[in-house]
Amino acid sequence: MPRSSRPSKRRGCWLLALCFPLAIQAAIPDDFAYRYALTTDGSSAAWRVELSPAIYAVSPPAHGLRDVIVVNAQGRQVPFGPLPPTAPRAQTFTLKTVLLPLPSNDPGHNDSVRIQRNSDGAIVIEQPSTSAIAARPGQWLLDAGRPVNLARIEITVAALAGDARFHLSAQASNDLQHWNTRSEENEIVSVRRGTEAFAQRSIILDIGTPARYYRLSLRDGDHAPWDSTQTPSVELHGNTVDTNASEAARQWLDAPTPVASTATDGTDYDYTLPAALPLEAARITLAGSNTLASYRLLDHDGTSDQLLAAGTAVQIGTSADAAAPVTFTLARTQHLRLHTDTPLAQPPTLHVAWRPDVFVFLAEGAGPYSLLAGSHAARRGDYPLQAALDRIRPTDAGAGWQLPQAALGPPVVAAGPAALLAPKPPFDWTRLLLWLVLAGGALAVVAMAWSLLRPSPRDGEKH
C-alpha cells in the first residue's frame, strides 16, 4: 500500500470520530415529538420549570413525565428532573400586637355576639348596639397574621403598670370555631414597691399545629387589670415553618361543555379536558335558579370510574356566586364524569383546579435551552439534583427562596406525532427461512418417495 494514502485514511478516521458524537446528539430531537424554547433571563446555575398543559398533552400518563428532557444549545441533554420537595425550614417569628377583649367568658354561647373574619382574615367582633361588653372581660383574642407556632406570649411592661396577679390559659385556632389548648393557667404577676419591681409576664405555650388565632382566658375568680376599653399590647415569639416553596400555584380551568347521557340512576355529564392534568380540586356550579342536585365526580379515564369527590350543589336565585370548591387526592386525568341523581334542565358548569409539576435543570453548557417532550422510547435518567440544590441555595436564604423560573415557549414540531408511536417490528427473516427449509424438506421427501415408487426400466423388460 503506498504511504501517501495513510495520512488521508487517518484523517478520515479522525473526522469519523468527531462526527460520531455529533450524530448521537443530533438524534436526540428525533426521539421526541415537540420542542419548547426556554427563556432564561439573567444568570443562574439552575432554573425551575413549571409544566404547561401542552406538555401534559404529549406525555402520556403511563410515562410518568419521564419522556421530558432539557437540552442546551449544542443539543446535549443536561441534568433535569422533578424539583425535590423543600425540607421544612423554621424561621424565627416575632410580632407586637394587641389583645382584643371578648364580651364574655364563653362567646360560643352568646347568640347576640358574632366573631368572624374579614376578607384579609382579620378578627371582626360584631354585637348589637344594645349589648355592652363586660367592664372586666374574661377573654381576649389576638391575631398573629399568619399560621405560626407560638412558643411564648409576652405581656408588655406598659400593659402591667400597677400591681396585679392573675392566671391565663391559651388556646389556638385557625377558624375561630375550633380551639385546642396550648397552655394551662400561667401565673401573671406584677409588683412594685418604690424603686423595686418584680414581674412575671410570660405565657409559655406548647408547640403544635401552626395557628393564626390565639385566645387568652382568665381562671374563674381572677381579674385582669384591663377593662373593656383597653387593648393591652403583647409580643409574640415563635417560628414559622415553610414547606410549600417548591410547589407551583394552583390554577383554575373551565371544563368544556359536557356530553350528557341518561344513566339508570340519574344523569351522566362527561367532560374532556385539553390534557391529562394533575387535578386536586373542583367547583360545580348549577345553571338556572333555585336548583339543587346531589353529585359524584368521577375519574373517567380508566376502564372503571374512580370516585374523586361527592356532595350537593345548590343554586339559589340567579346570582353567579362561586360555589365552594371540593378538594381530593391529586389525580392526573383528562376525562371526568359528573353524575347527578336527579335530571337537570341544563348541564352544570365544571371548574377544575390543577397544580403544575415543577422541574429543575442545571445550566450545563451554553444556552439557549430547550425542553423536549413526548417519546415512545426515550426516557430521562435519574439525576441527584438535591445535592446540587444544596450547594446552590444561599446560606442566608429565607423560607420563600426559590430558583429563578424559566418561561416555556410555544410548541415546535421536532419529530412530530410519529415519535409517540411504537416502531413497526422488523421483518422476521428467520420465520421465512424456517418455512423455506420446511418446504424444501417436504419436497425432498416427496422426490424420494416418487423415486422409490416409480417402476424401473428393467421391470418393464421382464414383462
Protein backbone atom coordinates (compact mmCIF):
# COMPACT_ATOMS: atom_id res chain seq x y z
CA MET A 1 0.00 0.00 0.00
CA PRO A 2 1.51 3.43 -0.87
CA ARG A 3 2.45 5.56 2.11
CA SER A 4 0.76 8.63 0.65
CA SER A 5 -2.63 7.02 1.31
CA ARG A 6 -2.08 6.58 5.07
CA PRO A 7 -2.48 10.26 6.13
CA SER A 8 -5.73 10.53 4.22
CA LYS A 9 -7.06 7.38 5.91
CA ARG A 10 -6.02 8.66 9.36
CA ARG A 11 -7.64 12.00 8.63
CA GLY A 12 -10.82 10.18 7.63
CA CYS A 13 -10.81 8.22 10.92
CA TRP A 14 -10.46 11.41 12.96
CA LEU A 15 -13.32 13.05 11.07
CA LEU A 16 -15.47 9.95 11.66
CA ALA A 17 -14.64 10.00 15.38
CA LEU A 18 -15.57 13.68 15.62
CA CYS A 19 -18.81 13.24 13.72
CA PHE A 20 -19.95 10.21 15.75
CA PRO A 21 -20.93 12.13 18.97
CA LEU A 22 -22.48 14.88 16.87
CA ALA A 23 -24.61 12.25 15.16
CA ILE A 24 -25.71 10.92 18.53
CA GLN A 25 -26.65 14.41 19.78
CA ALA A 26 -28.43 15.23 16.55
CA ALA A 27 -30.57 12.13 17.04
CA ILE A 28 -31.99 13.37 20.37
CA PRO A 29 -34.67 15.68 18.87
CA ASP A 30 -35.66 12.85 16.53
CA ASP A 31 -36.72 10.82 19.56
CA PHE A 32 -39.18 13.48 20.81
CA ALA A 33 -42.36 14.86 19.33
CA TYR A 34 -42.09 18.55 20.24
CA ARG A 35 -39.57 21.19 21.32
CA TYR A 36 -40.30 24.12 23.64
CA ALA A 37 -37.89 27.05 23.88
CA LEU A 38 -36.91 28.04 27.44
CA THR A 39 -36.40 31.73 28.18
CA THR A 40 -33.86 32.28 30.96
CA ASP A 41 -33.43 35.93 31.91
CA GLY A 42 -30.29 36.72 33.91
CA SER A 43 -27.76 34.16 35.07
CA SER A 44 -28.21 31.21 37.38
CA ALA A 45 -26.66 27.80 37.96
CA ALA A 46 -30.12 26.21 37.85
CA TRP A 47 -33.65 27.06 36.75
CA ARG A 48 -37.11 25.86 37.62
CA VAL A 49 -39.74 25.00 35.00
CA GLU A 50 -43.49 24.69 35.55
CA LEU A 51 -45.02 22.32 33.01
CA SER A 52 -47.80 23.63 30.77
CA PRO A 53 -50.94 21.82 29.55
CA ALA A 54 -49.27 21.44 26.13
CA ILE A 55 -46.59 19.20 27.68
CA TYR A 56 -49.14 17.08 29.54
CA ALA A 57 -50.98 16.66 26.22
CA VAL A 58 -48.00 14.94 24.54
CA SER A 59 -46.64 12.99 27.52
CA PRO A 60 -48.96 10.04 28.29
CA PRO A 61 -49.72 9.46 31.99
CA ALA A 62 -48.19 5.98 31.72
CA HIS A 63 -44.79 7.56 31.04
CA GLY A 64 -44.80 9.43 34.36
CA LEU A 65 -43.30 12.54 32.65
CA ARG A 66 -40.06 10.64 32.10
CA ASP A 67 -40.23 11.38 28.38
CA VAL A 68 -39.40 15.04 29.10
CA ILE A 69 -35.80 16.32 28.93
CA VAL A 70 -33.89 19.60 28.56
CA VAL A 71 -31.06 20.13 26.09
CA ASN A 72 -28.59 23.01 25.69
CA ALA A 73 -27.66 24.91 22.55
CA GLN A 74 -25.36 22.08 21.47
CA GLY A 75 -28.26 19.62 21.67
CA ARG A 76 -26.75 17.83 24.67
CA GLN A 77 -29.01 16.66 27.47
CA VAL A 78 -28.47 18.50 30.78
CA PRO A 79 -29.30 17.32 34.35
CA PHE A 80 -33.06 17.65 34.67
CA GLY A 81 -35.79 16.23 36.88
CA PRO A 82 -38.59 16.97 39.34
CA LEU A 83 -37.75 19.70 41.83
CA PRO A 84 -37.11 17.93 45.16
CA PRO A 85 -39.58 18.94 47.88
CA THR A 86 -38.32 21.70 50.11
CA ALA A 87 -37.39 20.45 53.54
CA PRO A 88 -39.30 22.26 56.30
CA ARG A 89 -37.32 25.29 57.45
CA ALA A 90 -38.14 27.06 60.69
CA GLN A 91 -37.93 30.85 60.65
CA THR A 92 -37.93 33.00 63.77
CA PHE A 93 -41.21 34.88 64.23
CA THR A 94 -41.77 37.95 66.41
CA LEU A 95 -44.71 40.33 66.35
CA LYS A 96 -46.07 43.11 68.55
CA THR A 97 -49.87 43.18 68.59
CA VAL A 98 -52.80 43.86 70.93
CA LEU A 99 -55.38 41.79 72.80
CA LEU A 100 -59.00 42.25 71.69
CA PRO A 101 -61.46 41.90 74.61
CA LEU A 102 -64.31 39.42 74.19
CA PRO A 103 -67.82 40.19 75.51
CA SER A 104 -68.00 37.16 77.80
CA ASN A 105 -66.02 34.26 79.17
CA ASP A 106 -67.86 31.88 76.78
CA PRO A 107 -68.54 33.68 73.49
CA GLY A 108 -69.61 30.47 71.81
CA HIS A 109 -72.85 30.51 73.88
CA ASN A 110 -73.67 34.18 73.37
CA ASP A 111 -76.02 34.29 70.40
CA SER A 112 -76.01 38.09 70.20
CA VAL A 113 -72.25 38.27 69.57
CA ARG A 114 -70.64 37.20 66.30
CA ILE A 115 -66.90 36.55 65.94
CA GLN A 116 -65.77 36.22 62.35
CA ARG A 117 -63.08 37.20 59.85
CA ASN A 118 -62.97 39.79 57.12
CA SER A 119 -61.57 39.22 53.61
CA ASP A 120 -58.00 39.56 54.93
CA GLY A 121 -58.59 37.14 57.78
CA ALA A 122 -58.50 39.82 60.50
CA ILE A 123 -60.77 39.29 63.52
CA VAL A 124 -64.13 41.12 63.49
CA ILE A 125 -66.30 41.13 66.64
CA GLU A 126 -69.92 42.10 65.96
CA GLN A 127 -72.59 42.67 68.61
CA PRO A 128 -75.89 44.60 68.89
CA SER A 129 -75.63 48.22 69.98
CA THR A 130 -77.82 47.40 72.99
CA SER A 131 -75.21 44.95 74.27
CA ALA A 132 -72.32 46.27 76.28
CA ILE A 133 -69.01 44.50 76.78
CA ALA A 134 -68.43 43.50 80.37
CA ALA A 135 -66.44 46.05 82.34
CA ARG A 136 -63.90 43.36 83.15
CA PRO A 137 -63.74 40.89 80.23
CA GLY A 138 -62.52 37.38 80.89
CA GLN A 139 -61.17 36.52 77.45
CA TRP A 140 -59.06 38.17 74.76
CA LEU A 141 -58.29 37.32 71.15
CA LEU A 142 -55.13 38.02 69.19
CA ASP A 143 -54.30 37.67 65.51
CA ALA A 144 -50.78 36.55 64.53
CA GLY A 145 -51.45 37.48 60.89
CA ARG A 146 -50.47 34.02 59.57
CA PRO A 147 -50.29 30.45 60.91
CA VAL A 148 -47.36 30.31 63.35
CA ASN A 149 -46.02 28.13 66.13
CA LEU A 150 -46.04 30.39 69.16
CA ALA A 151 -43.69 29.43 71.97
CA ARG A 152 -44.26 32.48 74.16
CA ILE A 153 -46.67 35.39 74.56
CA GLU A 154 -45.08 38.26 76.43
CA ILE A 155 -47.27 40.92 78.04
CA THR A 156 -45.52 44.28 77.70
CA VAL A 157 -44.39 46.38 80.68
CA ALA A 158 -46.82 49.16 79.75
CA ALA A 159 -49.75 46.72 79.97
CA LEU A 160 -48.85 45.88 83.61
CA ALA A 161 -48.30 49.32 85.07
CA GLY A 162 -49.67 48.53 88.56
CA ASP A 163 -49.84 45.60 90.97
CA ALA A 164 -51.63 42.56 89.57
CA ARG A 165 -51.84 38.83 89.98
CA PHE A 166 -53.98 36.52 87.79
CA HIS A 167 -53.82 33.34 85.71
CA LEU A 168 -54.22 32.95 81.96
CA SER A 169 -54.62 29.87 79.76
CA ALA A 170 -54.08 29.90 75.99
CA GLN A 171 -55.95 28.21 73.13
CA ALA A 172 -55.19 28.18 69.39
CA SER A 173 -57.40 28.08 66.29
CA ASN A 174 -57.31 28.62 62.54
CA ASP A 175 -61.03 29.29 62.02
CA LEU A 176 -62.20 30.96 65.28
CA GLN A 177 -64.55 28.00 65.74
CA HIS A 178 -62.42 25.05 66.83
CA TRP A 179 -59.90 25.60 69.62
CA ASN A 180 -57.21 23.44 71.20
CA THR A 181 -55.40 24.17 74.42
CA ARG A 182 -51.75 25.22 74.27
CA SER A 183 -51.17 26.34 77.86
CA GLU A 184 -52.85 25.96 81.26
CA GLU A 185 -53.04 28.67 83.96
CA ASN A 186 -49.87 30.71 83.54
CA GLU A 187 -49.47 32.99 86.53
CA ILE A 188 -49.02 36.67 85.64
CA VAL A 189 -47.57 38.80 88.47
CA SER A 190 -46.62 42.46 88.67
CA VAL A 191 -45.45 44.06 91.95
CA ARG A 192 -43.91 47.49 92.50
CA ARG A 193 -42.51 48.84 95.79
CA GLY A 194 -40.73 52.10 95.37
CA THR A 195 -37.78 51.55 93.09
CA GLU A 196 -38.07 47.79 93.34
CA ALA A 197 -40.23 45.84 90.90
CA PHE A 198 -40.95 42.23 90.06
CA ALA A 199 -42.89 40.94 87.07
CA GLN A 200 -43.75 37.59 85.53
CA ARG A 201 -45.23 38.49 82.16
CA SER A 202 -44.68 35.36 80.02
CA ILE A 203 -47.23 32.80 78.85
CA ILE A 204 -45.41 29.62 77.74
CA LEU A 205 -47.18 27.61 75.03
CA ASP A 206 -46.82 24.06 73.78
CA ILE A 207 -45.79 23.79 70.14
CA GLY A 208 -48.46 22.18 67.96
CA THR A 209 -50.07 22.67 64.58
CA PRO A 210 -49.38 26.22 63.33
CA ALA A 211 -52.34 28.51 64.11
CA ARG A 212 -53.18 32.11 63.28
CA TYR A 213 -55.58 32.97 66.11
CA TYR A 214 -54.97 32.63 69.85
CA ARG A 215 -57.32 33.13 72.79
CA LEU A 216 -56.32 34.01 76.35
CA SER A 217 -58.77 33.08 79.13
CA LEU A 218 -58.82 34.09 82.80
CA ARG A 219 -59.14 31.49 85.52
CA ASP A 220 -62.52 31.59 87.24
CA GLY A 221 -62.49 34.18 90.02
CA ASP A 222 -59.45 36.05 88.68
CA HIS A 223 -59.46 39.63 87.39
CA ALA A 224 -57.05 41.26 84.97
CA PRO A 225 -56.11 44.95 85.28
CA TRP A 226 -57.74 45.83 81.93
CA ASP A 227 -61.29 46.97 81.30
CA SER A 228 -63.31 46.63 78.13
CA THR A 229 -61.95 49.86 76.62
CA GLN A 230 -58.32 48.79 76.80
CA THR A 231 -56.32 46.71 74.32
CA PRO A 232 -53.14 45.69 76.14
CA SER A 233 -50.13 45.13 73.93
CA VAL A 234 -48.27 41.82 73.77
CA GLU A 235 -45.22 40.45 71.98
CA LEU A 236 -45.42 37.11 70.19
CA HIS A 237 -42.37 34.84 69.92
CA GLY A 238 -42.19 31.61 67.95
CA ASN A 239 -41.42 30.33 64.48
CA THR A 240 -42.97 29.68 61.12
CA VAL A 241 -42.36 26.59 59.01
CA ASP A 242 -42.45 26.90 55.25
CA THR A 243 -42.99 23.63 53.35
CA ASN A 244 -44.52 24.90 50.09
CA ALA A 245 -41.66 26.77 48.45
CA SER A 246 -41.28 24.04 45.82
CA GLU A 247 -44.95 23.96 44.83
CA ALA A 248 -46.47 25.83 41.93
CA ALA A 249 -49.57 27.96 42.43
CA ARG A 250 -52.95 26.34 41.93
CA GLN A 251 -54.53 27.14 38.56
CA TRP A 252 -58.21 27.01 37.64
CA LEU A 253 -59.53 25.79 34.30
CA ASP A 254 -63.06 25.86 32.88
CA ALA A 255 -64.00 22.43 31.56
CA PRO A 256 -65.55 22.39 28.06
CA THR A 257 -69.28 21.81 27.55
CA PRO A 258 -70.07 18.22 28.58
CA VAL A 259 -71.81 15.41 26.75
CA ALA A 260 -74.92 14.35 28.67
CA SER A 261 -76.31 10.82 28.79
CA THR A 262 -79.07 9.19 30.80
CA ALA A 263 -77.98 6.64 33.38
CA THR A 264 -80.07 4.07 35.25
CA ASP A 265 -79.95 6.12 38.46
CA GLY A 266 -79.60 9.66 37.15
CA THR A 267 -77.70 11.63 34.52
CA ASP A 268 -74.04 11.50 33.49
CA TYR A 269 -72.17 14.55 32.21
CA ASP A 270 -68.83 13.73 30.55
CA TYR A 271 -66.17 16.46 30.38
CA THR A 272 -62.96 16.22 28.34
CA LEU A 273 -60.04 18.44 29.38
CA PRO A 274 -57.36 19.57 26.91
CA ALA A 275 -54.86 17.20 28.56
CA ALA A 276 -54.48 14.76 31.43
CA LEU A 277 -53.71 17.32 34.14
CA PRO A 278 -52.83 16.78 37.83
CA LEU A 279 -56.17 17.78 39.37
CA GLU A 280 -56.65 18.50 43.07
CA ALA A 281 -59.99 20.34 43.37
CA ALA A 282 -63.20 21.12 41.53
CA ARG A 283 -66.09 23.55 41.70
CA ILE A 284 -69.57 22.59 40.42
CA THR A 285 -71.97 25.40 39.52
CA LEU A 286 -75.59 24.68 38.59
CA ALA A 287 -77.32 26.60 35.82
CA GLY A 288 -80.63 28.39 36.24
CA SER A 289 -82.11 29.44 39.56
CA ASN A 290 -83.22 27.64 42.70
CA THR A 291 -81.61 24.36 41.68
CA LEU A 292 -80.38 21.50 43.84
CA ALA A 293 -78.58 18.27 42.96
CA SER A 294 -76.51 15.59 44.64
CA TYR A 295 -73.46 14.68 42.60
CA ARG A 296 -70.48 12.37 42.32
CA LEU A 297 -67.35 13.46 40.45
CA LEU A 298 -65.53 10.52 38.86
CA ASP A 299 -62.20 9.94 37.16
CA HIS A 300 -63.40 8.54 33.82
CA ASP A 301 -60.00 7.84 32.24
CA GLY A 302 -59.70 4.14 33.06
CA THR A 303 -61.87 1.14 32.41
CA SER A 304 -63.59 1.66 35.76
CA ASP A 305 -64.56 5.03 37.20
CA GLN A 306 -62.74 6.21 40.33
CA LEU A 307 -64.57 8.45 42.82
CA LEU A 308 -62.88 11.83 43.32
CA ALA A 309 -65.49 13.76 45.30
CA ALA A 310 -69.17 13.72 46.23
CA GLY A 311 -71.51 16.35 47.60
CA THR A 312 -74.51 18.57 46.99
CA ALA A 313 -74.61 21.55 44.63
CA VAL A 314 -77.06 24.36 45.36
CA GLN A 315 -78.03 27.40 43.30
CA ILE A 316 -80.41 29.86 44.97
CA GLY A 317 -81.62 32.76 42.87
CA THR A 318 -79.82 33.79 39.71
CA SER A 319 -76.67 35.26 41.24
CA ALA A 320 -73.45 33.70 39.99
CA ASP A 321 -71.94 33.21 43.42
CA ALA A 322 -68.87 30.98 43.32
CA ALA A 323 -69.55 27.59 44.85
CA ALA A 324 -67.16 26.30 47.48
CA PRO A 325 -64.51 24.04 45.91
CA VAL A 326 -64.19 20.39 46.85
CA THR A 327 -60.68 19.01 47.18
CA PHE A 328 -59.48 15.45 46.61
CA THR A 329 -56.33 13.40 46.33
CA LEU A 330 -54.17 14.54 43.44
CA ALA A 331 -55.09 12.61 40.30
CA ARG A 332 -53.84 13.10 36.75
CA THR A 333 -56.84 12.69 34.50
CA GLN A 334 -58.33 14.08 31.29
CA HIS A 335 -61.86 12.66 31.26
CA LEU A 336 -64.25 13.47 34.10
CA ARG A 337 -67.79 12.25 34.69
CA LEU A 338 -70.21 14.21 36.84
CA HIS A 339 -73.13 12.03 37.89
CA THR A 340 -76.27 13.67 39.29
CA ASP A 341 -79.01 11.67 40.97
CA THR A 342 -81.74 13.91 39.53
CA PRO A 343 -82.10 15.31 35.99
CA LEU A 344 -81.15 18.94 35.38
CA ALA A 345 -82.55 21.37 32.84
CA GLN A 346 -79.04 22.46 31.83
CA PRO A 347 -75.62 20.85 32.25
CA PRO A 348 -73.62 22.02 35.31
CA THR A 349 -70.53 24.14 34.82
CA LEU A 350 -67.37 22.38 35.99
CA HIS A 351 -64.25 24.28 37.04
CA VAL A 352 -61.19 22.20 37.92
CA ALA A 353 -58.08 23.21 39.83
CA TRP A 354 -54.70 21.75 38.91
CA ARG A 355 -51.18 22.31 40.16
CA PRO A 356 -48.35 22.07 37.57
CA ASP A 357 -45.42 19.77 38.25
CA VAL A 358 -42.24 21.75 38.91
CA PHE A 359 -38.97 20.58 37.36
CA VAL A 360 -35.43 21.92 37.63
CA PHE A 361 -32.45 21.79 35.27
CA LEU A 362 -28.81 22.73 35.69
CA ALA A 363 -27.39 25.28 33.27
CA GLU A 364 -24.78 22.89 31.86
CA GLY A 365 -23.27 24.16 28.62
CA ALA A 366 -24.31 27.27 26.75
CA GLY A 367 -27.89 28.37 26.18
CA PRO A 368 -30.43 28.83 24.85
CA TYR A 369 -32.03 25.75 26.36
CA SER A 370 -34.95 23.76 25.04
CA LEU A 371 -37.38 21.30 26.57
CA LEU A 372 -38.20 18.18 24.55
CA ALA A 373 -41.34 16.18 25.31
CA GLY A 374 -43.27 13.20 24.02
CA SER A 375 -41.48 9.98 23.10
CA HIS A 376 -42.43 6.34 22.83
CA ALA A 377 -38.93 5.00 23.60
CA ALA A 378 -36.70 7.74 25.09
CA ARG A 379 -36.67 8.13 28.87
CA ARG A 380 -34.91 10.56 31.18
CA GLY A 381 -32.35 9.26 33.66
CA ASP A 382 -32.32 9.97 37.39
CA TYR A 383 -30.09 12.87 38.44
CA PRO A 384 -29.12 13.57 42.10
CA LEU A 385 -30.40 17.14 41.90
CA GLN A 386 -30.80 17.58 45.65
CA ALA A 387 -27.01 17.61 46.13
CA ALA A 388 -26.68 20.39 43.54
CA LEU A 389 -29.52 22.43 45.02
CA ASP A 390 -27.96 22.23 48.49
CA ARG A 391 -24.85 23.87 47.03
CA ILE A 392 -26.79 26.47 45.07
CA ARG A 393 -29.13 27.61 47.87
CA PRO A 394 -27.63 30.63 49.70
CA THR A 395 -26.84 30.04 53.36
CA ASP A 396 -28.90 33.10 54.36
CA ALA A 397 -31.87 32.24 52.11
CA GLY A 398 -35.28 32.81 53.63
CA ALA A 399 -38.16 30.36 53.79
CA GLY A 400 -39.63 31.53 50.49
CA TRP A 401 -36.41 31.30 48.45
CA GLN A 402 -36.84 29.75 45.01
CA LEU A 403 -34.80 29.21 41.90
CA PRO A 404 -35.49 31.65 39.05
CA GLN A 405 -38.17 30.41 36.68
CA ALA A 406 -37.59 29.66 33.00
CA ALA A 407 -40.53 30.54 30.77
CA LEU A 408 -41.83 27.93 28.33
CA GLY A 409 -42.36 28.94 24.72
CA PRO A 410 -44.97 27.54 22.33
CA PRO A 411 -44.50 24.00 20.96
CA VAL A 412 -42.44 23.50 17.81
CA VAL A 413 -42.55 20.22 15.92
CA ALA A 414 -39.39 18.11 16.37
CA ALA A 415 -40.03 14.53 15.22
CA GLY A 416 -43.78 15.13 15.38
CA PRO A 417 -46.51 12.72 16.45
CA ALA A 418 -44.57 9.83 14.87
CA ALA A 419 -42.24 9.88 17.89
CA LEU A 420 -45.18 8.85 20.08
CA LEU A 421 -45.93 5.73 18.04
CA ALA A 422 -44.36 2.35 18.59
CA PRO A 423 -41.98 1.48 15.71
CA LYS A 424 -43.07 -1.25 13.35
CA PRO A 425 -41.44 -4.57 14.25
CA PRO A 426 -38.69 -5.59 11.79
CA PHE A 427 -39.49 -8.31 9.31
CA ASP A 428 -38.77 -11.74 10.81
CA TRP A 429 -36.48 -13.33 8.22
CA THR A 430 -35.91 -16.36 10.44
CA ARG A 431 -39.54 -17.40 10.10
CA LEU A 432 -39.37 -17.13 6.31
CA LEU A 433 -36.13 -19.13 6.29
CA LEU A 434 -37.73 -21.78 8.51
CA TRP A 435 -40.69 -22.11 6.14
CA LEU A 436 -38.32 -22.39 3.17
CA VAL A 437 -36.35 -25.13 4.94
CA LEU A 438 -39.55 -26.98 5.81
CA ALA A 439 -40.86 -26.63 2.25
CA GLY A 440 -37.55 -27.81 0.85
CA GLY A 441 -37.52 -30.80 3.19
CA ALA A 442 -41.07 -31.69 2.21
CA LEU A 443 -40.17 -31.53 -1.48
CA ALA A 444 -37.15 -33.74 -0.87
CA VAL A 445 -39.32 -36.34 0.89
CA VAL A 446 -41.81 -36.26 -2.00
CA ALA A 447 -38.99 -36.67 -4.51
CA MET A 448 -37.58 -39.65 -2.60
CA ALA A 449 -40.99 -41.28 -2.37
CA TRP A 450 -41.59 -40.74 -6.07
CA SER A 451 -38.23 -42.25 -6.97
CA LEU A 452 -38.97 -45.30 -4.83
CA LEU A 453 -42.48 -45.87 -6.17
CA ARG A 454 -41.72 -45.23 -9.86
CA PRO A 455 -41.22 -48.55 -11.81
CA SER A 456 -37.72 -49.09 -13.13
CA PRO A 457 -36.98 -49.81 -16.87
CA ARG A 458 -35.74 -53.33 -16.02
CA ASP A 459 -39.12 -54.22 -14.57
CA GLY A 460 -40.69 -53.31 -17.91
CA GLU A 461 -38.27 -55.50 -19.87
CA LYS A 462 -39.11 -58.54 -17.73
CA HIS A 463 -42.77 -58.20 -18.54
